[in-house]
N, C-alpha and C. Protein backbone atom coordinates (compact mmCIF):
# COMPACT_ATOMS: atom_id res chain seq x y z
N MET A 1 45.93 -9.29 0.65
CA MET A 1 45.84 -10.54 -0.11
C MET A 1 46.93 -11.51 0.35
N LYS A 2 46.59 -12.80 0.54
CA LYS A 2 47.54 -13.78 1.01
C LYS A 2 48.53 -14.14 -0.09
N ILE A 3 49.73 -14.61 0.34
CA ILE A 3 50.79 -14.98 -0.61
C ILE A 3 50.34 -16.12 -1.51
N ASP A 4 49.62 -17.11 -0.95
CA ASP A 4 49.16 -18.25 -1.75
C ASP A 4 48.25 -17.80 -2.88
N GLN A 5 47.38 -16.83 -2.55
CA GLN A 5 46.47 -16.33 -3.58
C GLN A 5 47.25 -15.59 -4.66
N PHE A 6 48.27 -14.85 -4.25
CA PHE A 6 49.08 -14.12 -5.22
C PHE A 6 49.79 -15.07 -6.16
N LYS A 7 50.31 -16.20 -5.60
CA LYS A 7 50.98 -17.20 -6.44
C LYS A 7 50.02 -17.78 -7.46
N VAL A 8 48.81 -18.09 -7.00
CA VAL A 8 47.81 -18.65 -7.91
C VAL A 8 47.51 -17.67 -9.03
N MET A 9 47.41 -16.39 -8.70
CA MET A 9 47.13 -15.38 -9.73
C MET A 9 48.25 -15.30 -10.75
N LEU A 10 49.51 -15.38 -10.28
CA LEU A 10 50.64 -15.35 -11.21
C LEU A 10 50.61 -16.55 -12.16
N GLU A 11 50.28 -17.72 -11.56
CA GLU A 11 50.22 -18.94 -12.39
C GLU A 11 49.11 -18.82 -13.42
N LEU A 12 47.97 -18.30 -12.98
CA LEU A 12 46.85 -18.15 -13.91
C LEU A 12 47.16 -17.13 -15.00
N GLN A 13 47.93 -16.09 -14.60
CA GLN A 13 48.29 -15.08 -15.59
C GLN A 13 49.20 -15.67 -16.66
N ALA A 14 50.11 -16.57 -16.20
CA ALA A 14 51.01 -17.22 -17.16
C ALA A 14 50.22 -18.12 -18.09
N LEU A 15 49.25 -18.87 -17.53
CA LEU A 15 48.41 -19.74 -18.36
C LEU A 15 47.58 -18.91 -19.32
N GLN A 16 47.19 -17.72 -18.82
CA GLN A 16 46.39 -16.84 -19.70
C GLN A 16 47.19 -16.41 -20.91
N GLY A 17 48.49 -16.19 -20.69
CA GLY A 17 49.34 -15.80 -21.81
C GLY A 17 49.43 -16.89 -22.85
N LEU A 18 49.59 -18.14 -22.37
CA LEU A 18 49.64 -19.28 -23.30
C LEU A 18 48.30 -19.45 -23.98
N ASN A 19 47.26 -19.30 -23.23
CA ASN A 19 45.92 -19.49 -23.79
C ASN A 19 45.62 -18.47 -24.87
N SER A 20 46.08 -17.22 -24.65
CA SER A 20 45.82 -16.17 -25.63
C SER A 20 46.56 -16.45 -26.93
N GLN A 21 47.80 -17.00 -26.81
CA GLN A 21 48.57 -17.29 -28.01
C GLN A 21 47.94 -18.42 -28.82
N ASN A 22 47.36 -19.39 -28.12
CA ASN A 22 46.80 -20.56 -28.80
C ASN A 22 45.40 -20.33 -29.33
N THR A 23 44.63 -19.52 -28.57
CA THR A 23 43.22 -19.40 -28.96
C THR A 23 42.84 -18.00 -29.39
N GLY A 24 43.62 -16.98 -28.90
CA GLY A 24 43.26 -15.60 -29.24
C GLY A 24 42.05 -15.12 -28.49
N SER A 25 41.62 -15.90 -27.48
CA SER A 25 40.41 -15.55 -26.73
C SER A 25 40.69 -14.40 -25.79
N SER A 26 39.75 -13.46 -25.66
CA SER A 26 39.90 -12.32 -24.75
C SER A 26 39.46 -12.66 -23.33
N SER A 27 38.76 -13.77 -23.17
CA SER A 27 38.30 -14.19 -21.85
C SER A 27 39.33 -15.13 -21.27
N THR A 28 39.82 -14.86 -20.07
CA THR A 28 40.89 -15.64 -19.47
C THR A 28 40.54 -16.15 -18.09
N LEU A 29 41.31 -17.18 -17.70
CA LEU A 29 41.14 -17.71 -16.34
C LEU A 29 41.53 -16.65 -15.31
N PHE A 30 42.58 -15.90 -15.64
CA PHE A 30 43.04 -14.89 -14.71
C PHE A 30 41.98 -13.82 -14.46
N GLN A 31 41.33 -13.37 -15.52
CA GLN A 31 40.30 -12.36 -15.36
C GLN A 31 39.12 -12.89 -14.57
N ASP A 32 38.76 -14.15 -14.81
CA ASP A 32 37.65 -14.75 -14.05
C ASP A 32 37.99 -14.85 -12.57
N PHE A 33 39.24 -15.29 -12.31
CA PHE A 33 39.66 -15.45 -10.91
C PHE A 33 39.67 -14.09 -10.19
N LEU A 34 40.23 -13.07 -10.89
CA LEU A 34 40.29 -11.75 -10.30
C LEU A 34 38.91 -11.18 -10.05
N SER A 35 38.02 -11.42 -10.98
CA SER A 35 36.65 -10.94 -10.83
C SER A 35 35.97 -11.55 -9.62
N ASN A 36 36.18 -12.88 -9.45
CA ASN A 36 35.59 -13.57 -8.30
C ASN A 36 36.17 -13.06 -6.98
N MET A 37 37.50 -12.79 -6.99
CA MET A 37 38.14 -12.30 -5.77
C MET A 37 37.59 -10.93 -5.38
N LEU A 38 37.45 -10.04 -6.37
CA LEU A 38 36.93 -8.71 -6.10
C LEU A 38 35.50 -8.76 -5.61
N SER A 39 34.73 -9.69 -6.19
CA SER A 39 33.33 -9.84 -5.78
C SER A 39 33.24 -10.30 -4.34
N SER A 40 34.09 -11.25 -3.97
CA SER A 40 34.08 -11.78 -2.60
C SER A 40 34.47 -10.71 -1.60
N GLU A 41 35.52 -9.90 -1.94
CA GLU A 41 35.96 -8.86 -1.04
C GLU A 41 34.91 -7.77 -0.86
N THR A 42 34.19 -7.49 -1.96
CA THR A 42 33.12 -6.49 -1.87
C THR A 42 32.01 -6.94 -0.95
N LYS A 43 31.64 -8.23 -1.04
CA LYS A 43 30.59 -8.77 -0.19
C LYS A 43 31.01 -8.76 1.27
N LEU A 44 32.28 -9.09 1.51
CA LEU A 44 32.78 -9.11 2.88
C LEU A 44 32.76 -7.71 3.48
N THR A 45 33.16 -6.71 2.68
CA THR A 45 33.15 -5.32 3.14
C THR A 45 31.75 -4.85 3.45
N ASP A 46 30.81 -5.19 2.57
CA ASP A 46 29.41 -4.82 2.79
C ASP A 46 28.88 -5.43 4.05
N SER A 47 29.26 -6.68 4.31
CA SER A 47 28.80 -7.38 5.51
C SER A 47 29.31 -6.70 6.76
N ILE A 48 30.58 -6.29 6.74
CA ILE A 48 31.16 -5.61 7.90
C ILE A 48 30.47 -4.28 8.14
N ASP A 49 30.26 -3.51 7.07
CA ASP A 49 29.63 -2.20 7.21
C ASP A 49 28.22 -2.30 7.76
N ASN A 50 27.49 -3.33 7.34
CA ASN A 50 26.08 -3.44 7.70
C ASN A 50 25.86 -4.09 9.06
N ASN A 51 26.76 -4.99 9.48
CA ASN A 51 26.48 -5.80 10.65
C ASN A 51 27.33 -5.52 11.88
N THR A 52 28.50 -4.88 11.74
CA THR A 52 29.35 -4.71 12.91
C THR A 52 29.58 -3.27 13.30
N LEU A 53 28.86 -2.31 12.70
CA LEU A 53 29.00 -0.91 13.08
C LEU A 53 28.36 -0.71 14.44
N GLY A 54 29.18 -0.39 15.44
CA GLY A 54 28.65 -0.22 16.79
C GLY A 54 29.70 0.38 17.68
N ALA A 55 29.71 -0.05 18.94
CA ALA A 55 30.61 0.54 19.92
C ALA A 55 32.07 0.42 19.49
N ALA A 56 32.45 -0.68 18.87
CA ALA A 56 33.85 -0.87 18.49
C ALA A 56 34.30 0.11 17.43
N SER A 57 33.36 0.68 16.69
CA SER A 57 33.73 1.63 15.64
C SER A 57 33.70 3.06 16.12
N ILE A 58 33.23 3.28 17.37
CA ILE A 58 33.15 4.62 17.92
C ILE A 58 34.50 5.00 18.50
N PRO A 59 34.95 6.24 18.32
CA PRO A 59 36.24 6.66 18.88
C PRO A 59 36.36 6.33 20.36
N LEU A 60 37.56 5.96 20.80
CA LEU A 60 37.81 5.54 22.16
C LEU A 60 37.26 6.55 23.16
N GLY A 61 36.43 6.06 24.07
CA GLY A 61 35.89 6.91 25.10
C GLY A 61 34.48 7.36 24.82
N LEU A 62 34.06 7.45 23.57
CA LEU A 62 32.75 7.98 23.24
C LEU A 62 31.63 7.05 23.66
N ALA A 63 31.83 5.74 23.49
CA ALA A 63 30.76 4.80 23.80
C ALA A 63 30.39 4.83 25.27
N SER A 64 31.37 4.99 26.15
CA SER A 64 31.09 4.89 27.57
C SER A 64 30.99 6.25 28.26
N THR A 65 31.54 7.29 27.67
CA THR A 65 31.57 8.58 28.36
C THR A 65 30.83 9.68 27.63
N GLY A 66 30.47 9.47 26.37
CA GLY A 66 29.83 10.53 25.61
C GLY A 66 30.79 11.62 25.23
N SER A 67 32.07 11.33 25.28
CA SER A 67 33.11 12.33 24.99
C SER A 67 34.15 11.73 24.09
N LEU A 68 34.79 12.58 23.29
CA LEU A 68 35.86 12.12 22.43
C LEU A 68 37.18 11.99 23.19
N MET A 69 37.19 12.33 24.48
CA MET A 69 38.39 12.20 25.30
C MET A 69 38.72 10.73 25.50
N PRO A 70 40.00 10.34 25.36
CA PRO A 70 40.37 8.95 25.62
C PRO A 70 39.93 8.51 27.00
N LEU A 71 39.60 7.22 27.13
CA LEU A 71 39.10 6.73 28.40
C LEU A 71 40.06 6.99 29.55
N SER A 72 41.35 6.80 29.32
CA SER A 72 42.31 6.99 30.40
C SER A 72 42.29 8.42 30.91
N LEU A 73 42.20 9.40 29.99
CA LEU A 73 42.17 10.80 30.40
C LEU A 73 40.85 11.14 31.05
N THR A 74 39.78 10.51 30.57
CA THR A 74 38.47 10.74 31.18
C THR A 74 38.48 10.32 32.63
N LYS A 75 39.07 9.16 32.91
CA LYS A 75 39.13 8.67 34.28
C LYS A 75 39.98 9.57 35.15
N LEU A 76 41.10 10.02 34.61
CA LEU A 76 41.99 10.87 35.39
C LEU A 76 41.32 12.19 35.73
N SER A 77 40.53 12.73 34.79
CA SER A 77 39.93 14.03 35.02
C SER A 77 38.79 13.97 36.01
N SER A 78 38.19 12.80 36.20
CA SER A 78 37.05 12.69 37.09
C SER A 78 37.41 12.09 38.43
N SER A 79 38.70 11.76 38.65
CA SER A 79 39.10 11.16 39.91
C SER A 79 40.03 12.08 40.67
N SER A 80 40.07 11.91 41.99
CA SER A 80 40.94 12.71 42.81
C SER A 80 42.00 11.83 43.44
N ALA A 81 43.25 12.32 43.41
CA ALA A 81 44.35 11.54 43.95
C ALA A 81 44.51 11.77 45.45
N THR A 82 43.66 12.63 46.05
CA THR A 82 43.80 12.96 47.45
C THR A 82 42.84 12.14 48.30
N THR A 83 43.17 12.03 49.58
CA THR A 83 42.30 11.39 50.56
C THR A 83 42.15 12.31 51.75
N THR A 84 41.20 12.00 52.64
CA THR A 84 40.97 12.88 53.79
C THR A 84 42.22 13.00 54.65
N SER A 85 43.00 11.94 54.73
CA SER A 85 44.20 11.95 55.58
C SER A 85 45.26 12.93 55.07
N ASP A 86 45.19 13.29 53.79
CA ASP A 86 46.16 14.23 53.23
C ASP A 86 46.04 15.61 53.88
N PHE A 87 44.89 15.90 54.47
CA PHE A 87 44.64 17.24 55.00
C PHE A 87 44.55 17.28 56.52
N ASP A 88 44.80 16.16 57.18
CA ASP A 88 44.66 16.09 58.63
C ASP A 88 45.51 17.13 59.35
N GLU A 89 46.77 17.25 58.95
CA GLU A 89 47.67 18.18 59.62
C GLU A 89 47.25 19.63 59.36
N MET A 90 46.76 19.90 58.16
CA MET A 90 46.30 21.26 57.83
C MET A 90 45.07 21.62 58.66
N ILE A 91 44.15 20.67 58.77
CA ILE A 91 42.93 20.90 59.55
C ILE A 91 43.29 21.11 61.02
N LYS A 92 44.22 20.32 61.51
CA LYS A 92 44.65 20.46 62.91
C LYS A 92 45.27 21.83 63.15
N ALA A 93 46.10 22.29 62.22
CA ALA A 93 46.74 23.60 62.36
C ALA A 93 45.71 24.71 62.36
N ALA A 94 44.71 24.61 61.47
CA ALA A 94 43.66 25.63 61.39
C ALA A 94 42.80 25.61 62.65
N ALA A 95 42.51 24.42 63.15
CA ALA A 95 41.70 24.30 64.36
C ALA A 95 42.39 24.95 65.56
N GLU A 96 43.70 24.75 65.66
CA GLU A 96 44.46 25.33 66.76
C GLU A 96 44.55 26.85 66.63
N LYS A 97 44.75 27.32 65.41
CA LYS A 97 44.90 28.76 65.19
C LYS A 97 43.63 29.52 65.47
N TYR A 98 42.48 28.95 65.07
CA TYR A 98 41.21 29.66 65.20
C TYR A 98 40.31 29.10 66.30
N ASN A 99 40.87 28.21 67.10
CA ASN A 99 40.13 27.64 68.23
C ASN A 99 38.80 27.01 67.78
N LEU A 100 38.91 26.14 66.82
CA LEU A 100 37.74 25.44 66.27
C LEU A 100 37.91 23.93 66.45
N PRO A 101 36.81 23.20 66.55
CA PRO A 101 36.90 21.73 66.57
C PRO A 101 37.37 21.22 65.21
N GLU A 102 38.33 20.33 65.21
CA GLU A 102 38.81 19.76 63.95
C GLU A 102 37.67 19.11 63.17
N LYS A 103 36.79 18.44 63.89
CA LYS A 103 35.71 17.72 63.22
C LYS A 103 34.74 18.67 62.53
N LEU A 104 34.58 19.86 63.08
CA LEU A 104 33.69 20.82 62.44
C LEU A 104 34.28 21.28 61.11
N ILE A 105 35.58 21.54 61.10
CA ILE A 105 36.24 21.94 59.85
C ILE A 105 36.15 20.83 58.81
N SER A 106 36.46 19.60 59.23
CA SER A 106 36.44 18.47 58.28
C SER A 106 35.02 18.19 57.80
N SER A 107 34.01 18.44 58.64
CA SER A 107 32.62 18.23 58.24
C SER A 107 32.21 19.24 57.17
N VAL A 108 32.66 20.48 57.32
CA VAL A 108 32.38 21.51 56.32
C VAL A 108 33.05 21.14 55.00
N ILE A 109 34.31 20.70 55.08
CA ILE A 109 35.03 20.31 53.86
C ILE A 109 34.34 19.13 53.18
N LYS A 110 33.89 18.16 53.98
CA LYS A 110 33.22 16.98 53.42
C LYS A 110 32.00 17.37 52.60
N VAL A 111 31.17 18.24 53.16
CA VAL A 111 29.94 18.63 52.47
C VAL A 111 30.22 19.62 51.34
N GLU A 112 31.19 20.51 51.55
CA GLU A 112 31.47 21.54 50.54
C GLU A 112 32.11 20.96 49.28
N SER A 113 33.12 20.10 49.44
CA SER A 113 33.89 19.66 48.26
C SER A 113 34.22 18.17 48.25
N ASN A 114 33.82 17.46 49.31
CA ASN A 114 34.18 16.05 49.45
C ASN A 114 35.70 15.86 49.35
N PHE A 115 36.42 16.81 49.94
CA PHE A 115 37.89 16.78 50.02
C PHE A 115 38.57 16.84 48.65
N ASN A 116 37.93 17.51 47.71
CA ASN A 116 38.54 17.74 46.40
C ASN A 116 39.07 19.17 46.36
N PRO A 117 40.39 19.36 46.41
CA PRO A 117 40.95 20.72 46.45
C PRO A 117 40.75 21.52 45.17
N ASN A 118 40.36 20.84 44.09
CA ASN A 118 40.15 21.51 42.80
C ASN A 118 38.67 21.74 42.48
N ALA A 119 37.81 21.50 43.45
CA ALA A 119 36.37 21.63 43.22
C ALA A 119 36.00 23.09 42.93
N THR A 120 35.07 23.26 41.98
CA THR A 120 34.57 24.59 41.63
C THR A 120 33.06 24.50 41.41
N SER A 121 32.30 25.36 42.06
CA SER A 121 30.85 25.33 41.91
C SER A 121 30.40 26.19 40.74
N TYR A 122 29.15 26.02 40.35
CA TYR A 122 28.60 26.81 39.24
C TYR A 122 28.58 28.30 39.58
N ALA A 123 28.57 28.60 40.89
CA ALA A 123 28.53 30.00 41.32
C ALA A 123 29.92 30.63 41.41
N GLY A 124 30.95 29.78 41.30
CA GLY A 124 32.31 30.31 41.34
C GLY A 124 33.06 30.05 42.62
N ALA A 125 32.43 29.37 43.60
CA ALA A 125 33.12 29.00 44.83
C ALA A 125 34.17 27.94 44.51
N SER A 126 35.32 28.02 45.17
CA SER A 126 36.42 27.14 44.78
C SER A 126 37.15 26.53 45.97
N GLY A 127 37.77 25.39 45.68
CA GLY A 127 38.65 24.75 46.65
C GLY A 127 37.94 23.91 47.69
N LEU A 128 38.69 23.44 48.66
CA LEU A 128 38.19 22.52 49.68
C LEU A 128 36.99 23.07 50.45
N MET A 129 37.06 24.34 50.86
CA MET A 129 35.98 24.92 51.66
C MET A 129 35.12 25.87 50.83
N GLN A 130 35.25 25.78 49.50
CA GLN A 130 34.39 26.48 48.55
C GLN A 130 34.26 27.97 48.87
N LEU A 131 35.37 28.68 48.76
CA LEU A 131 35.38 30.11 49.02
C LEU A 131 35.04 30.89 47.75
N MET A 132 34.15 31.85 47.89
CA MET A 132 33.86 32.76 46.79
C MET A 132 35.05 33.70 46.60
N PRO A 133 35.28 34.16 45.37
CA PRO A 133 36.43 35.04 45.11
C PRO A 133 36.51 36.24 46.04
N SER A 134 35.39 36.93 46.24
CA SER A 134 35.40 38.12 47.09
C SER A 134 35.68 37.76 48.54
N THR A 135 35.12 36.65 49.00
CA THR A 135 35.36 36.20 50.38
C THR A 135 36.82 35.82 50.57
N ALA A 136 37.36 35.09 49.58
CA ALA A 136 38.76 34.66 49.66
C ALA A 136 39.68 35.88 49.73
N THR A 137 39.37 36.90 48.94
CA THR A 137 40.19 38.12 48.95
C THR A 137 40.15 38.81 50.30
N SER A 138 38.95 38.90 50.87
CA SER A 138 38.80 39.57 52.18
C SER A 138 39.49 38.80 53.29
N LEU A 139 39.67 37.50 53.10
CA LEU A 139 40.32 36.66 54.11
C LEU A 139 41.82 36.57 53.89
N GLY A 140 42.30 37.16 52.82
CA GLY A 140 43.73 37.14 52.53
C GLY A 140 44.21 35.86 51.87
N VAL A 141 43.30 35.12 51.27
CA VAL A 141 43.67 33.88 50.58
C VAL A 141 44.16 34.23 49.18
N GLN A 142 45.39 33.90 48.90
CA GLN A 142 45.97 34.24 47.59
C GLN A 142 45.70 33.18 46.54
N ASN A 143 45.63 31.91 46.96
CA ASN A 143 45.39 30.81 46.01
C ASN A 143 44.35 29.87 46.60
N VAL A 144 43.12 29.96 46.10
CA VAL A 144 42.03 29.15 46.66
C VAL A 144 42.22 27.66 46.40
N PHE A 145 43.07 27.32 45.42
CA PHE A 145 43.29 25.91 45.11
C PHE A 145 44.48 25.33 45.87
N ASN A 146 45.11 26.16 46.68
CA ASN A 146 46.14 25.66 47.57
C ASN A 146 45.44 25.16 48.83
N PRO A 147 45.53 23.86 49.13
CA PRO A 147 44.76 23.29 50.25
C PRO A 147 44.96 24.02 51.58
N LEU A 148 46.21 24.33 51.93
CA LEU A 148 46.46 24.98 53.22
C LEU A 148 45.86 26.38 53.25
N ASP A 149 46.06 27.14 52.17
CA ASP A 149 45.49 28.49 52.11
C ASP A 149 43.97 28.45 52.22
N ASN A 150 43.37 27.50 51.52
CA ASN A 150 41.91 27.40 51.50
C ASN A 150 41.37 27.01 52.87
N ILE A 151 42.00 26.03 53.49
CA ILE A 151 41.53 25.58 54.81
C ILE A 151 41.69 26.69 55.85
N MET A 152 42.82 27.39 55.80
CA MET A 152 43.03 28.49 56.74
C MET A 152 42.00 29.59 56.52
N GLY A 153 41.76 29.93 55.27
CA GLY A 153 40.79 30.99 54.97
C GLY A 153 39.38 30.59 55.35
N GLY A 154 39.00 29.37 54.98
CA GLY A 154 37.66 28.90 55.31
C GLY A 154 37.44 28.79 56.81
N SER A 155 38.45 28.34 57.53
CA SER A 155 38.34 28.21 58.99
C SER A 155 38.23 29.58 59.65
N LYS A 156 38.98 30.53 59.12
CA LYS A 156 38.91 31.90 59.64
C LYS A 156 37.50 32.46 59.48
N TYR A 157 36.91 32.23 58.32
CA TYR A 157 35.55 32.73 58.06
C TYR A 157 34.53 32.01 58.95
N LEU A 158 34.72 30.70 59.10
CA LEU A 158 33.81 29.93 59.96
C LEU A 158 33.88 30.43 61.40
N LYS A 159 35.09 30.75 61.87
CA LYS A 159 35.26 31.30 63.22
C LYS A 159 34.56 32.65 63.35
N GLN A 160 34.66 33.48 62.31
CA GLN A 160 33.98 34.78 62.34
C GLN A 160 32.48 34.61 62.48
N MET A 161 31.92 33.64 61.77
CA MET A 161 30.48 33.39 61.84
C MET A 161 30.07 32.83 63.21
N LEU A 162 30.90 31.99 63.78
CA LEU A 162 30.61 31.46 65.12
C LEU A 162 30.63 32.58 66.16
N ASP A 163 31.61 33.45 66.04
CA ASP A 163 31.68 34.57 66.97
C ASP A 163 30.47 35.50 66.81
N LYS A 164 30.07 35.71 65.58
CA LYS A 164 28.95 36.61 65.30
C LYS A 164 27.65 36.08 65.90
N TYR A 165 27.48 34.76 65.87
CA TYR A 165 26.24 34.16 66.37
C TYR A 165 26.44 33.41 67.69
N ASN A 166 27.38 33.94 68.47
CA ASN A 166 27.57 33.48 69.85
C ASN A 166 27.74 31.97 69.98
N GLY A 167 28.49 31.39 69.06
CA GLY A 167 28.80 29.98 69.14
C GLY A 167 27.71 29.05 68.64
N ASN A 168 26.64 29.62 68.08
CA ASN A 168 25.55 28.79 67.54
C ASN A 168 26.03 28.17 66.22
N VAL A 169 26.29 26.85 66.25
CA VAL A 169 26.87 26.18 65.09
C VAL A 169 25.93 26.22 63.89
N GLU A 170 24.65 25.99 64.10
CA GLU A 170 23.71 25.95 62.99
C GLU A 170 23.60 27.31 62.30
N LEU A 171 23.55 28.37 63.09
CA LEU A 171 23.47 29.70 62.48
C LEU A 171 24.78 30.06 61.77
N ALA A 172 25.90 29.64 62.37
CA ALA A 172 27.19 29.90 61.74
C ALA A 172 27.29 29.17 60.40
N LEU A 173 26.82 27.94 60.35
CA LEU A 173 26.84 27.17 59.11
C LEU A 173 25.91 27.78 58.07
N ALA A 174 24.74 28.25 58.53
CA ALA A 174 23.80 28.89 57.61
C ALA A 174 24.42 30.15 57.02
N ALA A 175 25.12 30.90 57.85
CA ALA A 175 25.78 32.12 57.37
C ALA A 175 26.93 31.78 56.44
N TYR A 176 27.64 30.68 56.73
CA TYR A 176 28.74 30.24 55.87
C TYR A 176 28.21 29.92 54.48
N ASN A 177 27.03 29.35 54.43
CA ASN A 177 26.45 28.93 53.15
C ASN A 177 25.71 30.05 52.42
N ALA A 178 24.87 30.77 53.14
CA ALA A 178 23.98 31.75 52.51
C ALA A 178 24.38 33.19 52.77
N GLY A 179 25.36 33.39 53.65
CA GLY A 179 25.79 34.74 53.99
C GLY A 179 25.09 35.24 55.25
N PRO A 180 25.79 35.98 56.08
CA PRO A 180 25.19 36.48 57.33
C PRO A 180 24.03 37.43 57.09
N GLY A 181 24.03 38.10 55.95
CA GLY A 181 22.92 39.00 55.64
C GLY A 181 21.59 38.28 55.60
N ASN A 182 21.57 37.11 55.02
CA ASN A 182 20.32 36.33 54.93
C ASN A 182 19.92 35.77 56.29
N VAL A 183 20.90 35.38 57.09
CA VAL A 183 20.59 34.87 58.43
C VAL A 183 19.96 36.00 59.27
N ASP A 184 20.53 37.18 59.17
CA ASP A 184 19.99 38.32 59.91
C ASP A 184 18.61 38.70 59.38
N LYS A 185 18.46 38.66 58.09
CA LYS A 185 17.18 39.05 57.47
C LYS A 185 16.03 38.16 57.94
N TYR A 186 16.30 36.87 58.01
CA TYR A 186 15.23 35.93 58.38
C TYR A 186 15.24 35.56 59.86
N GLY A 187 16.18 36.12 60.58
CA GLY A 187 16.23 35.86 62.01
C GLY A 187 16.55 34.42 62.35
N GLY A 188 17.29 33.75 61.52
CA GLY A 188 17.64 32.35 61.74
C GLY A 188 18.07 31.72 60.43
N ILE A 189 17.97 30.40 60.36
CA ILE A 189 18.33 29.72 59.12
C ILE A 189 17.38 30.15 58.01
N PRO A 190 17.89 30.69 56.92
CA PRO A 190 17.02 31.17 55.83
C PRO A 190 16.16 30.04 55.26
N PRO A 191 14.99 30.39 54.73
CA PRO A 191 14.08 29.37 54.18
C PRO A 191 14.50 28.91 52.78
N PHE A 192 15.79 28.67 52.61
CA PHE A 192 16.32 28.19 51.34
C PHE A 192 16.58 26.70 51.49
N LYS A 193 16.03 25.92 50.58
CA LYS A 193 16.19 24.47 50.68
C LYS A 193 17.66 24.08 50.68
N GLU A 194 18.46 24.73 49.82
CA GLU A 194 19.88 24.40 49.74
C GLU A 194 20.57 24.65 51.08
N THR A 195 20.29 25.80 51.69
CA THR A 195 20.92 26.14 52.96
C THR A 195 20.46 25.20 54.07
N GLN A 196 19.17 24.91 54.10
CA GLN A 196 18.64 24.01 55.13
C GLN A 196 19.25 22.61 55.01
N ASN A 197 19.37 22.12 53.78
CA ASN A 197 20.00 20.82 53.56
C ASN A 197 21.48 20.85 53.93
N TYR A 198 22.12 21.96 53.63
CA TYR A 198 23.54 22.12 53.93
C TYR A 198 23.78 22.05 55.43
N VAL A 199 23.02 22.82 56.18
CA VAL A 199 23.16 22.83 57.64
C VAL A 199 22.91 21.44 58.22
N ALA A 200 21.90 20.77 57.71
CA ALA A 200 21.56 19.43 58.20
C ALA A 200 22.69 18.43 57.92
N LYS A 201 23.27 18.49 56.72
CA LYS A 201 24.32 17.55 56.34
C LYS A 201 25.60 17.77 57.16
N VAL A 202 26.01 19.04 57.28
CA VAL A 202 27.24 19.32 58.03
C VAL A 202 27.04 18.94 59.50
N THR A 203 25.89 19.28 60.05
CA THR A 203 25.60 18.95 61.45
C THR A 203 25.60 17.44 61.67
N GLN A 204 25.07 16.71 60.70
CA GLN A 204 25.04 15.25 60.81
C GLN A 204 26.45 14.68 60.86
N HIS A 205 27.33 15.18 60.00
CA HIS A 205 28.72 14.71 60.00
C HIS A 205 29.42 15.13 61.30
N TYR A 206 29.12 16.31 61.76
CA TYR A 206 29.81 16.87 62.93
C TYR A 206 29.42 16.14 64.20
N THR A 207 28.17 15.75 64.30
CA THR A 207 27.69 15.12 65.52
C THR A 207 27.71 13.60 65.47
N ALA A 208 28.10 13.04 64.34
CA ALA A 208 28.09 11.58 64.19
C ALA A 208 29.14 10.92 65.09
């Protein structure tokens, strides 16, 4: 309530006291004024409830994200602070150690995780080169979310697949994605849409 309105109410209350002494009337200016004020405030509240309930009344973040998480945290959780250049030296080191083309390693990383070191698939593959837990263990990777460990482990596995298939990049990529057992079973790239798309995408990046 504004100060001016409060002053008016005090003045009316004083007049009401005089009026009661002179007339004995139970109906006062102050009561009428207060009644009108309450009525006006009630109408204003009803108007707000009925006409402005929308995005502004929804908790921060819910209107645009469907989540109760604050917008700032939502953005942070869905964005990556890394860039491809952050891993150049690691990729170079892995390429030299395992005698692999740097571009082949970076192409696998691009398709596997889009250079997100914290990426995790629904199947449980993790990190830049999306290593499965059992594969990571067999490769000696202690922390799949450590970029250097992951790149070294993934490159080692990629080299193993290349050696197994006599340098055939497409078969090595198919084995990286679907496992060498499936490549051997089908005598080539398995008839899995996911694997076929994977091989095509990595090859496209590698040969571009």
